[in-house]
Amino acid sequence: MDAFAVSICKGLSMKKMQWNKAVIIGLYFGIFQGVMPIIGYFVGSTFSGLVEKVDHWIAFGLLVIIGITMIVEALKKGEEELNDKTDFKTMIALAIATSIDALAVGVSSAMIDTNIFIEAIIICVITFALSFVGVKIGNVFGDKWGKKAQFAGGCILILIGVKILLEHLGVIFT
């Protein structure tokens, strides 16, 4: 769901729907969401304590930085400058931020001896589809509400980061 929400935010930033960017976004999020549990599975309990101690801080930091950037762009006066970048640097940060907690899921999967490859394929396909659709949904709202939608998107990213942090700190439960 985090990847879906971030995809909506990326769609908000597109002046015109760009299907190739929706595919790129879906691939980044789908692949990362599928690969992270596999990595976690094989890392197993060796590094699980380390991953679980910092994953929420990394995701929180990345999402807050990206969210603040969107809010600042939305508040700028003058011609609207949309950031619909899908370059490696942008997408890798978003993909890691939304999937890093999946490492811990992989570690848990190793402990209950599941077929991690089947799980990863299902996760990858579903995340790709939701992210692809999320870009279109975001684009429809961005078209109608422009800077207001971009501002809301930035706030949503920050809230997702805060939610991840609070869940891992035990303040809120899902």
N, C-alpha and C. Protein backbone atom coordinates (compact mmCIF):
# COMPACT_ATOMS: atom_id res chain seq x y z
N MET A 1 0.81 -1.20 0.00
CA MET A 1 0.00 0.00 0.00
C MET A 1 0.86 1.27 0.00
N ASP A 2 2.04 1.19 0.60
CA ASP A 2 2.94 2.34 0.57
C ASP A 2 3.34 2.66 -0.87
N ALA A 3 3.68 1.63 -1.62
CA ALA A 3 4.07 1.82 -3.02
C ALA A 3 2.90 2.40 -3.83
N PHE A 4 1.69 1.95 -3.54
CA PHE A 4 0.50 2.47 -4.21
C PHE A 4 0.34 3.96 -3.93
N ALA A 5 0.48 4.34 -2.66
CA ALA A 5 0.33 5.75 -2.28
C ALA A 5 1.41 6.62 -2.93
N VAL A 6 2.63 6.13 -2.97
CA VAL A 6 3.72 6.90 -3.59
C VAL A 6 3.50 6.99 -5.09
N SER A 7 2.96 5.94 -5.70
CA SER A 7 2.64 5.97 -7.13
C SER A 7 1.60 7.03 -7.44
N ILE A 8 0.63 7.16 -6.57
CA ILE A 8 -0.38 8.21 -6.74
C ILE A 8 0.32 9.58 -6.71
N CYS A 9 1.26 9.74 -5.79
CA CYS A 9 1.99 11.00 -5.70
C CYS A 9 2.80 11.27 -6.97
N LYS A 10 3.40 10.24 -7.54
CA LYS A 10 4.15 10.43 -8.80
C LYS A 10 3.18 10.82 -9.92
N GLY A 11 2.01 10.22 -9.95
CA GLY A 11 1.01 10.58 -10.95
C GLY A 11 0.54 12.01 -10.80
N LEU A 12 0.47 12.49 -9.55
CA LEU A 12 0.09 13.88 -9.30
C LEU A 12 1.05 14.85 -9.98
N SER A 13 2.30 14.44 -10.11
CA SER A 13 3.33 15.32 -10.65
C SER A 13 3.38 15.35 -12.17
N MET A 14 2.59 14.52 -12.82
CA MET A 14 2.60 14.47 -14.29
C MET A 14 1.53 15.40 -14.86
N LYS A 15 1.98 16.30 -15.74
CA LYS A 15 1.03 17.20 -16.39
C LYS A 15 0.09 16.40 -17.30
N LYS A 16 0.67 15.47 -18.03
CA LYS A 16 -0.08 14.61 -18.92
C LYS A 16 0.30 13.16 -18.60
N MET A 17 -0.66 12.26 -18.63
CA MET A 17 -0.39 10.85 -18.32
C MET A 17 0.66 10.30 -19.28
N GLN A 18 1.70 9.72 -18.70
CA GLN A 18 2.77 9.11 -19.50
C GLN A 18 2.84 7.63 -19.13
N TRP A 19 2.32 6.79 -20.00
CA TRP A 19 2.20 5.37 -19.72
C TRP A 19 3.57 4.70 -19.52
N ASN A 20 4.58 5.18 -20.26
CA ASN A 20 5.91 4.59 -20.09
C ASN A 20 6.45 4.84 -18.68
N LYS A 21 6.15 6.02 -18.12
CA LYS A 21 6.58 6.31 -16.75
C LYS A 21 5.78 5.48 -15.75
N ALA A 22 4.53 5.23 -16.04
CA ALA A 22 3.72 4.38 -15.15
C ALA A 22 4.30 2.96 -15.11
N VAL A 23 4.75 2.48 -16.27
CA VAL A 23 5.38 1.15 -16.32
C VAL A 23 6.69 1.15 -15.54
N ILE A 24 7.50 2.19 -15.72
CA ILE A 24 8.78 2.29 -14.99
C ILE A 24 8.53 2.31 -13.49
N ILE A 25 7.60 3.12 -13.04
CA ILE A 25 7.27 3.21 -11.62
C ILE A 25 6.79 1.85 -11.11
N GLY A 26 5.88 1.22 -11.85
CA GLY A 26 5.38 -0.09 -11.46
C GLY A 26 6.49 -1.13 -11.39
N LEU A 27 7.42 -1.09 -12.34
CA LEU A 27 8.53 -2.04 -12.33
C LEU A 27 9.46 -1.83 -11.14
N TYR A 28 9.82 -0.59 -10.87
CA TYR A 28 10.69 -0.33 -9.72
C TYR A 28 10.05 -0.84 -8.43
N PHE A 29 8.80 -0.42 -8.21
CA PHE A 29 8.15 -0.81 -6.96
C PHE A 29 7.88 -2.31 -6.91
N GLY A 30 7.41 -2.88 -8.01
CA GLY A 30 7.12 -4.31 -8.05
C GLY A 30 8.37 -5.15 -7.83
N ILE A 31 9.44 -4.81 -8.53
CA ILE A 31 10.68 -5.58 -8.39
C ILE A 31 11.26 -5.45 -6.99
N PHE A 32 11.30 -4.23 -6.47
CA PHE A 32 11.86 -4.05 -5.12
C PHE A 32 11.01 -4.74 -4.07
N GLN A 33 9.70 -4.64 -4.18
CA GLN A 33 8.82 -5.31 -3.21
C GLN A 33 8.97 -6.82 -3.29
N GLY A 34 9.28 -7.35 -4.48
CA GLY A 34 9.48 -8.79 -4.63
C GLY A 34 10.86 -9.26 -4.23
N VAL A 35 11.88 -8.44 -4.48
CA VAL A 35 13.26 -8.85 -4.20
C VAL A 35 13.62 -8.70 -2.72
N MET A 36 13.12 -7.68 -2.08
CA MET A 36 13.49 -7.44 -0.67
C MET A 36 13.17 -8.63 0.24
N PRO A 37 12.00 -9.26 0.13
CA PRO A 37 11.77 -10.43 0.99
C PRO A 37 12.73 -11.58 0.69
N ILE A 38 13.13 -11.72 -0.56
CA ILE A 38 14.10 -12.78 -0.91
C ILE A 38 15.43 -12.50 -0.23
N ILE A 39 15.87 -11.24 -0.30
CA ILE A 39 17.12 -10.86 0.37
C ILE A 39 17.00 -11.12 1.87
N GLY A 40 15.89 -10.67 2.46
CA GLY A 40 15.66 -10.89 3.88
C GLY A 40 15.63 -12.37 4.24
N TYR A 41 15.04 -13.17 3.36
CA TYR A 41 14.95 -14.61 3.59
C TYR A 41 16.35 -15.22 3.69
N PHE A 42 17.23 -14.83 2.77
CA PHE A 42 18.56 -15.42 2.76
C PHE A 42 19.51 -14.80 3.78
N VAL A 43 19.26 -13.57 4.12
CA VAL A 43 20.05 -12.97 5.19
C VAL A 43 19.66 -13.64 6.51
N GLY A 44 18.36 -13.98 6.61
CA GLY A 44 17.87 -14.72 7.77
C GLY A 44 18.12 -14.01 9.07
N SER A 45 18.27 -14.79 10.07
CA SER A 45 18.41 -14.23 11.41
C SER A 45 19.80 -13.64 11.67
N THR A 46 20.76 -13.87 10.76
CA THR A 46 22.11 -13.35 10.96
C THR A 46 22.13 -11.85 11.17
N PHE A 47 21.42 -11.12 10.31
CA PHE A 47 21.42 -9.67 10.40
C PHE A 47 20.04 -9.11 10.72
N SER A 48 19.10 -9.95 11.11
CA SER A 48 17.73 -9.48 11.30
C SER A 48 17.64 -8.37 12.34
N GLY A 49 18.41 -8.48 13.41
CA GLY A 49 18.37 -7.43 14.44
C GLY A 49 18.80 -6.09 13.90
N LEU A 50 19.83 -6.08 13.08
CA LEU A 50 20.33 -4.84 12.49
C LEU A 50 19.30 -4.22 11.55
N VAL A 51 18.73 -5.04 10.67
CA VAL A 51 17.75 -4.54 9.71
C VAL A 51 16.53 -3.98 10.44
N GLU A 52 16.05 -4.72 11.43
CA GLU A 52 14.85 -4.29 12.15
C GLU A 52 15.09 -3.01 12.96
N LYS A 53 16.35 -2.75 13.33
CA LYS A 53 16.65 -1.57 14.13
C LYS A 53 16.68 -0.28 13.31
N VAL A 54 16.97 -0.37 12.02
CA VAL A 54 17.13 0.85 11.23
C VAL A 54 16.18 0.99 10.05
N ASP A 55 15.49 -0.07 9.64
CA ASP A 55 14.68 0.01 8.42
C ASP A 55 13.64 1.12 8.49
N HIS A 56 12.99 1.27 9.63
CA HIS A 56 11.95 2.29 9.76
C HIS A 56 12.53 3.71 9.72
N TRP A 57 13.73 3.90 10.23
CA TRP A 57 14.37 5.23 10.19
C TRP A 57 14.74 5.60 8.76
N ILE A 58 15.23 4.64 8.00
CA ILE A 58 15.61 4.89 6.59
C ILE A 58 14.36 5.25 5.79
N ALA A 59 13.32 4.43 5.91
CA ALA A 59 12.08 4.70 5.17
C ALA A 59 11.49 6.05 5.58
N PHE A 60 11.47 6.33 6.88
CA PHE A 60 10.96 7.61 7.38
C PHE A 60 11.73 8.78 6.77
N GLY A 61 13.05 8.72 6.84
CA GLY A 61 13.89 9.81 6.33
C GLY A 61 13.69 10.07 4.85
N LEU A 62 13.71 9.01 4.05
CA LEU A 62 13.54 9.17 2.61
C LEU A 62 12.17 9.74 2.25
N LEU A 63 11.12 9.21 2.86
CA LEU A 63 9.77 9.68 2.55
C LEU A 63 9.55 11.12 3.01
N VAL A 64 10.09 11.49 4.15
CA VAL A 64 9.94 12.88 4.63
C VAL A 64 10.67 13.85 3.70
N ILE A 65 11.88 13.50 3.30
CA ILE A 65 12.64 14.37 2.39
C ILE A 65 11.89 14.57 1.08
N ILE A 66 11.40 13.48 0.50
CA ILE A 66 10.68 13.57 -0.78
C ILE A 66 9.37 14.34 -0.59
N GLY A 67 8.68 14.10 0.53
CA GLY A 67 7.42 14.80 0.82
C GLY A 67 7.62 16.29 0.99
N ILE A 68 8.65 16.66 1.72
CA ILE A 68 8.94 18.09 1.92
C ILE A 68 9.27 18.75 0.58
N THR A 69 10.02 18.05 -0.25
CA THR A 69 10.35 18.59 -1.58
C THR A 69 9.09 18.85 -2.39
N MET A 70 8.12 17.91 -2.34
CA MET A 70 6.86 18.11 -3.07
C MET A 70 6.09 19.30 -2.51
N ILE A 71 6.06 19.44 -1.19
CA ILE A 71 5.33 20.55 -0.57
C ILE A 71 5.97 21.89 -0.95
N VAL A 72 7.29 21.96 -0.90
CA VAL A 72 7.99 23.19 -1.26
C VAL A 72 7.69 23.56 -2.71
N GLU A 73 7.71 22.57 -3.61
CA GLU A 73 7.40 22.83 -5.01
C GLU A 73 5.96 23.33 -5.17
N ALA A 74 5.04 22.76 -4.40
CA ALA A 74 3.64 23.17 -4.50
C ALA A 74 3.43 24.59 -3.99
N LEU A 75 4.23 25.02 -3.03
CA LEU A 75 4.07 26.35 -2.44
C LEU A 75 4.77 27.46 -3.23
N LYS A 76 5.63 27.08 -4.17
CA LYS A 76 6.34 28.09 -4.96
C LYS A 76 5.35 28.87 -5.81
N LYS A 77 5.60 30.16 -5.89
CA LYS A 77 4.78 31.04 -6.72
C LYS A 77 5.21 30.91 -8.18
N GLY A 78 4.32 31.30 -9.06
CA GLY A 78 4.67 31.34 -10.47
C GLY A 78 4.32 30.05 -11.20
N GLU A 79 5.00 29.85 -12.31
CA GLU A 79 4.75 28.71 -13.18
C GLU A 79 4.95 27.41 -12.43
N GLU A 80 3.98 26.52 -12.58
CA GLU A 80 4.05 25.23 -11.91
C GLU A 80 5.14 24.37 -12.53
N GLU A 81 6.04 23.91 -11.69
CA GLU A 81 7.15 23.06 -12.13
C GLU A 81 6.94 21.68 -11.54
N LEU A 82 6.50 20.74 -12.38
CA LEU A 82 6.19 19.41 -11.89
C LEU A 82 7.41 18.50 -11.95
N ASN A 83 7.62 17.72 -10.90
CA ASN A 83 8.72 16.77 -10.86
C ASN A 83 8.16 15.37 -11.12
N ASP A 84 8.14 15.00 -12.38
CA ASP A 84 7.64 13.67 -12.73
C ASP A 84 8.80 12.75 -13.11
N LYS A 85 9.96 13.02 -12.53
CA LYS A 85 11.17 12.25 -12.85
C LYS A 85 11.01 10.78 -12.49
N THR A 86 11.50 9.95 -13.38
CA THR A 86 11.57 8.51 -13.11
C THR A 86 13.00 8.03 -13.34
N ASP A 87 13.96 8.93 -13.11
CA ASP A 87 15.36 8.56 -13.28
C ASP A 87 15.78 7.59 -12.18
N PHE A 88 16.92 6.98 -12.35
CA PHE A 88 17.42 5.95 -11.42
C PHE A 88 17.49 6.46 -9.99
N LYS A 89 18.09 7.63 -9.80
CA LYS A 89 18.29 8.18 -8.46
C LYS A 89 16.97 8.40 -7.73
N THR A 90 16.01 8.99 -8.41
CA THR A 90 14.70 9.25 -7.81
C THR A 90 13.98 7.96 -7.49
N MET A 91 13.92 7.07 -8.46
CA MET A 91 13.14 5.85 -8.29
C MET A 91 13.78 4.87 -7.31
N ILE A 92 15.10 4.83 -7.26
CA ILE A 92 15.75 3.91 -6.33
C ILE A 92 15.46 4.34 -4.89
N ALA A 93 15.47 5.65 -4.64
CA ALA A 93 15.18 6.15 -3.29
C ALA A 93 13.74 5.81 -2.91
N LEU A 94 12.80 6.03 -3.80
CA LEU A 94 11.40 5.73 -3.51
C LEU A 94 11.18 4.23 -3.35
N ALA A 95 11.81 3.43 -4.21
CA ALA A 95 11.63 1.98 -4.14
C ALA A 95 12.20 1.41 -2.84
N ILE A 96 13.34 1.90 -2.44
CA ILE A 96 13.94 1.44 -1.17
C ILE A 96 13.07 1.88 0.01
N ALA A 97 12.64 3.14 -0.01
CA ALA A 97 11.84 3.67 1.10
C ALA A 97 10.55 2.88 1.29
N THR A 98 9.93 2.46 0.21
CA THR A 98 8.64 1.75 0.33
C THR A 98 8.80 0.25 0.51
N SER A 99 10.01 -0.29 0.34
CA SER A 99 10.14 -1.74 0.42
C SER A 99 11.14 -2.24 1.45
N ILE A 100 11.82 -1.34 2.14
CA ILE A 100 12.87 -1.78 3.05
C ILE A 100 12.32 -2.64 4.20
N ASP A 101 11.11 -2.37 4.63
CA ASP A 101 10.54 -3.20 5.70
C ASP A 101 10.24 -4.62 5.23
N ALA A 102 10.21 -4.82 3.91
CA ALA A 102 10.00 -6.17 3.38
C ALA A 102 11.19 -7.09 3.67
N LEU A 103 12.36 -6.52 3.98
CA LEU A 103 13.50 -7.34 4.40
C LEU A 103 13.13 -8.14 5.65
N ALA A 104 12.50 -7.47 6.60
CA ALA A 104 12.09 -8.13 7.84
C ALA A 104 11.03 -9.20 7.56
N VAL A 105 10.17 -8.94 6.58
CA VAL A 105 9.17 -9.94 6.18
C VAL A 105 9.88 -11.19 5.66
N GLY A 106 10.93 -10.99 4.89
CA GLY A 106 11.71 -12.13 4.38
C GLY A 106 12.35 -12.92 5.49
N VAL A 107 12.87 -12.23 6.48
CA VAL A 107 13.47 -12.91 7.64
C VAL A 107 12.41 -13.75 8.34
N SER A 108 11.22 -13.19 8.52
CA SER A 108 10.11 -13.93 9.14
C SER A 108 9.72 -15.13 8.30
N SER A 109 9.70 -14.98 7.00
CA SER A 109 9.36 -16.09 6.11
C SER A 109 10.36 -17.22 6.24
N ALA A 110 11.61 -16.90 6.45
CA ALA A 110 12.63 -17.94 6.61
C ALA A 110 12.36 -18.76 7.87
N MET A 111 11.84 -18.11 8.88
CA MET A 111 11.59 -18.80 10.15
C MET A 111 10.39 -19.72 10.10
N ILE A 112 9.46 -19.47 9.18
CA ILE A 112 8.30 -20.36 9.07
C ILE A 112 8.39 -21.26 7.85
N ASP A 113 9.54 -21.23 7.18
CA ASP A 113 9.84 -22.13 6.06
C ASP A 113 8.77 -22.12 4.97
N THR A 114 8.59 -20.96 4.35
CA THR A 114 7.64 -20.83 3.25
C THR A 114 8.40 -20.84 1.93
N ASN A 115 7.67 -20.91 0.84
CA ASN A 115 8.28 -20.83 -0.49
C ASN A 115 8.42 -19.35 -0.84
N ILE A 116 9.56 -18.79 -0.55
CA ILE A 116 9.78 -17.35 -0.71
C ILE A 116 9.67 -16.90 -2.17
N PHE A 117 10.00 -17.78 -3.10
CA PHE A 117 9.97 -17.38 -4.51
C PHE A 117 8.53 -17.21 -5.00
N ILE A 118 7.63 -18.08 -4.59
CA ILE A 118 6.21 -17.93 -4.95
C ILE A 118 5.67 -16.64 -4.32
N GLU A 119 5.97 -16.43 -3.04
CA GLU A 119 5.54 -15.21 -2.37
C GLU A 119 6.06 -13.97 -3.09
N ALA A 120 7.34 -13.99 -3.47
CA ALA A 120 7.96 -12.84 -4.12
C ALA A 120 7.31 -12.54 -5.47
N ILE A 121 6.99 -13.57 -6.23
CA ILE A 121 6.33 -13.36 -7.53
C ILE A 121 4.96 -12.73 -7.34
N ILE A 122 4.21 -13.24 -6.37
CA ILE A 122 2.87 -12.68 -6.10
C ILE A 122 2.98 -11.22 -5.66
N ILE A 123 3.91 -10.96 -4.74
CA ILE A 123 4.12 -9.59 -4.26
C ILE A 123 4.51 -8.67 -5.41
N CYS A 124 5.41 -9.13 -6.25
CA CYS A 124 5.91 -8.33 -7.38
C CYS A 124 4.78 -7.97 -8.35
N VAL A 125 3.98 -8.95 -8.73
CA VAL A 125 2.91 -8.73 -9.70
C VAL A 125 1.84 -7.79 -9.13
N ILE A 126 1.43 -8.04 -7.90
CA ILE A 126 0.39 -7.20 -7.29
C ILE A 126 0.89 -5.77 -7.10
N THR A 127 2.13 -5.62 -6.65
CA THR A 127 2.67 -4.27 -6.44
C THR A 127 2.80 -3.54 -7.77
N PHE A 128 3.26 -4.23 -8.81
CA PHE A 128 3.35 -3.60 -10.13
C PHE A 128 1.98 -3.08 -10.56
N ALA A 129 0.97 -3.94 -10.47
CA ALA A 129 -0.38 -3.56 -10.92
C ALA A 129 -0.92 -2.37 -10.12
N LEU A 130 -0.79 -2.43 -8.80
CA LEU A 130 -1.30 -1.33 -7.97
C LEU A 130 -0.54 -0.02 -8.23
N SER A 131 0.76 -0.13 -8.42
CA SER A 131 1.56 1.07 -8.67
C SER A 131 1.21 1.69 -10.02
N PHE A 132 1.04 0.86 -11.03
CA PHE A 132 0.67 1.32 -12.37
C PHE A 132 -0.66 2.07 -12.32
N VAL A 133 -1.64 1.47 -11.66
CA VAL A 133 -2.96 2.09 -11.52
C VAL A 133 -2.86 3.36 -10.66
N GLY A 134 -2.02 3.32 -9.63
CA GLY A 134 -1.84 4.48 -8.76
C GLY A 134 -1.36 5.71 -9.51
N VAL A 135 -0.46 5.50 -10.48
CA VAL A 135 0.03 6.63 -11.28
C VAL A 135 -1.13 7.28 -12.04
N LYS A 136 -1.99 6.47 -12.62
CA LYS A 136 -3.14 7.00 -13.37
C LYS A 136 -4.10 7.74 -12.44
N ILE A 137 -4.38 7.16 -11.28
CA ILE A 137 -5.27 7.82 -10.31
C ILE A 137 -4.68 9.17 -9.90
N GLY A 138 -3.40 9.19 -9.58
CA GLY A 138 -2.75 10.44 -9.21
C GLY A 138 -2.79 11.46 -10.32
N ASN A 139 -2.60 11.01 -11.55
CA ASN A 139 -2.62 11.92 -12.69
C ASN A 139 -3.98 12.57 -12.87
N VAL A 140 -5.04 11.80 -12.68
CA VAL A 140 -6.40 12.35 -12.80
C VAL A 140 -6.62 13.44 -11.76
N PHE A 141 -6.21 13.18 -10.51
CA PHE A 141 -6.37 14.18 -9.46
C PHE A 141 -5.45 15.37 -9.68
N GLY A 142 -4.22 15.12 -10.13
CA GLY A 142 -3.26 16.19 -10.38
C GLY A 142 -3.74 17.12 -11.48
N ASP A 143 -4.36 16.53 -12.50
CA ASP A 143 -4.91 17.31 -13.60
C ASP A 143 -5.97 18.28 -13.11
N LYS A 144 -6.79 17.82 -12.20
CA LYS A 144 -7.91 18.63 -11.73
C LYS A 144 -7.50 19.66 -10.68
N TRP A 145 -6.55 19.29 -9.80
CA TRP A 145 -6.27 20.15 -8.66
C TRP A 145 -4.85 20.67 -8.60
N GLY A 146 -3.99 20.33 -9.52
CA GLY A 146 -2.65 20.90 -9.64
C GLY A 146 -1.84 20.95 -8.37
N LYS A 147 -1.46 22.20 -7.97
CA LYS A 147 -0.57 22.40 -6.82
C LYS A 147 -1.19 21.91 -5.51
N LYS A 148 -2.50 22.00 -5.38
CA LYS A 148 -3.15 21.51 -4.18
C LYS A 148 -2.96 20.00 -4.05
N ALA A 149 -3.08 19.30 -5.17
CA ALA A 149 -2.89 17.85 -5.16
C ALA A 149 -1.43 17.50 -4.88
N GLN A 150 -0.51 18.29 -5.43
CA GLN A 150 0.91 18.05 -5.18
C GLN A 150 1.23 18.29 -3.71
N PHE A 151 0.66 19.32 -3.12
CA PHE A 151 0.84 19.60 -1.70
C PHE A 151 0.30 18.43 -0.86
N ALA A 152 -0.89 17.97 -1.21
CA ALA A 152 -1.50 16.84 -0.50
C ALA A 152 -0.64 15.59 -0.65
N GLY A 153 -0.10 15.38 -1.84
CA GLY A 153 0.78 14.23 -2.08
C GLY A 153 2.02 14.26 -1.19
N GLY A 154 2.62 15.44 -1.05
CA GLY A 154 3.78 15.59 -0.17
C GLY A 154 3.42 15.28 1.27
N CYS A 155 2.25 15.77 1.70
CA CYS A 155 1.78 15.49 3.06
C CYS A 155 1.55 13.99 3.26
N ILE A 156 0.99 13.35 2.25
CA ILE A 156 0.75 11.90 2.33
C ILE A 156 2.06 11.14 2.48
N LEU A 157 3.08 11.52 1.71
CA LEU A 157 4.38 10.84 1.83
C LEU A 157 4.95 11.01 3.24
N ILE A 158 4.85 12.20 3.78
CA ILE A 158 5.35 12.44 5.14
C ILE A 158 4.57 11.60 6.14
N LEU A 159 3.26 11.56 5.98
CA LEU A 159 2.43 10.76 6.89
C LEU A 159 2.75 9.27 6.79
N ILE A 160 3.01 8.78 5.59
CA ILE A 160 3.40 7.37 5.44
C ILE A 160 4.71 7.13 6.18
N GLY A 161 5.67 8.05 6.03
CA GLY A 161 6.94 7.92 6.75
C GLY A 161 6.74 7.92 8.25
N VAL A 162 5.90 8.81 8.75
CA VAL A 162 5.61 8.88 10.19
C VAL A 162 4.92 7.59 10.64
N LYS A 163 3.98 7.10 9.84
CA LYS A 163 3.26 5.86 10.18
C LYS A 163 4.24 4.69 10.29
N ILE A 164 5.14 4.56 9.33
CA ILE A 164 6.14 3.48 9.37
C ILE A 164 6.98 3.59 10.64
N LEU A 165 7.43 4.80 10.94
CA LEU A 165 8.25 5.02 12.12
C LEU A 165 7.49 4.67 13.40
N LEU A 166 6.27 5.17 13.53
CA LEU A 166 5.48 4.92 14.74
C LEU A 166 5.12 3.45 14.91
N GLU A 167 4.84 2.77 13.80
CA GLU A 167 4.56 1.32 13.88
C GLU A 167 5.78 0.57 14.43
N HIS A 168 6.93 0.88 13.92
CA HIS A 168 8.15 0.17 14.35
C HIS A 168 8.58 0.56 15.76
N LEU A 169 8.20 1.73 16.21
CA LEU A 169 8.51 2.14 17.58
C LEU A 169 7.47 1.63 18.57
N GLY A 170 6.42 1.01 18.03
CA GLY A 170 5.38 0.43 18.89
C GLY A 170 4.36 1.42 19.39
N VAL A 171 4.30 2.60 18.79
CA VAL A 171 3.35 3.63 19.21
C VAL A 171 1.96 3.34 18.65
N ILE A 172 1.90 2.88 17.40
CA ILE A 172 0.63 2.49 16.79
C ILE A 172 0.75 1.06 16.28
N PHE A 173 -0.38 0.40 16.18
CA PHE A 173 -0.40 -0.99 15.73
C PHE A 173 -1.27 -1.12 14.49
N THR A 174 -0.87 -2.03 13.59
CA THR A 174 -1.66 -2.24 12.39
C THR A 174 -2.44 -3.50 12.47
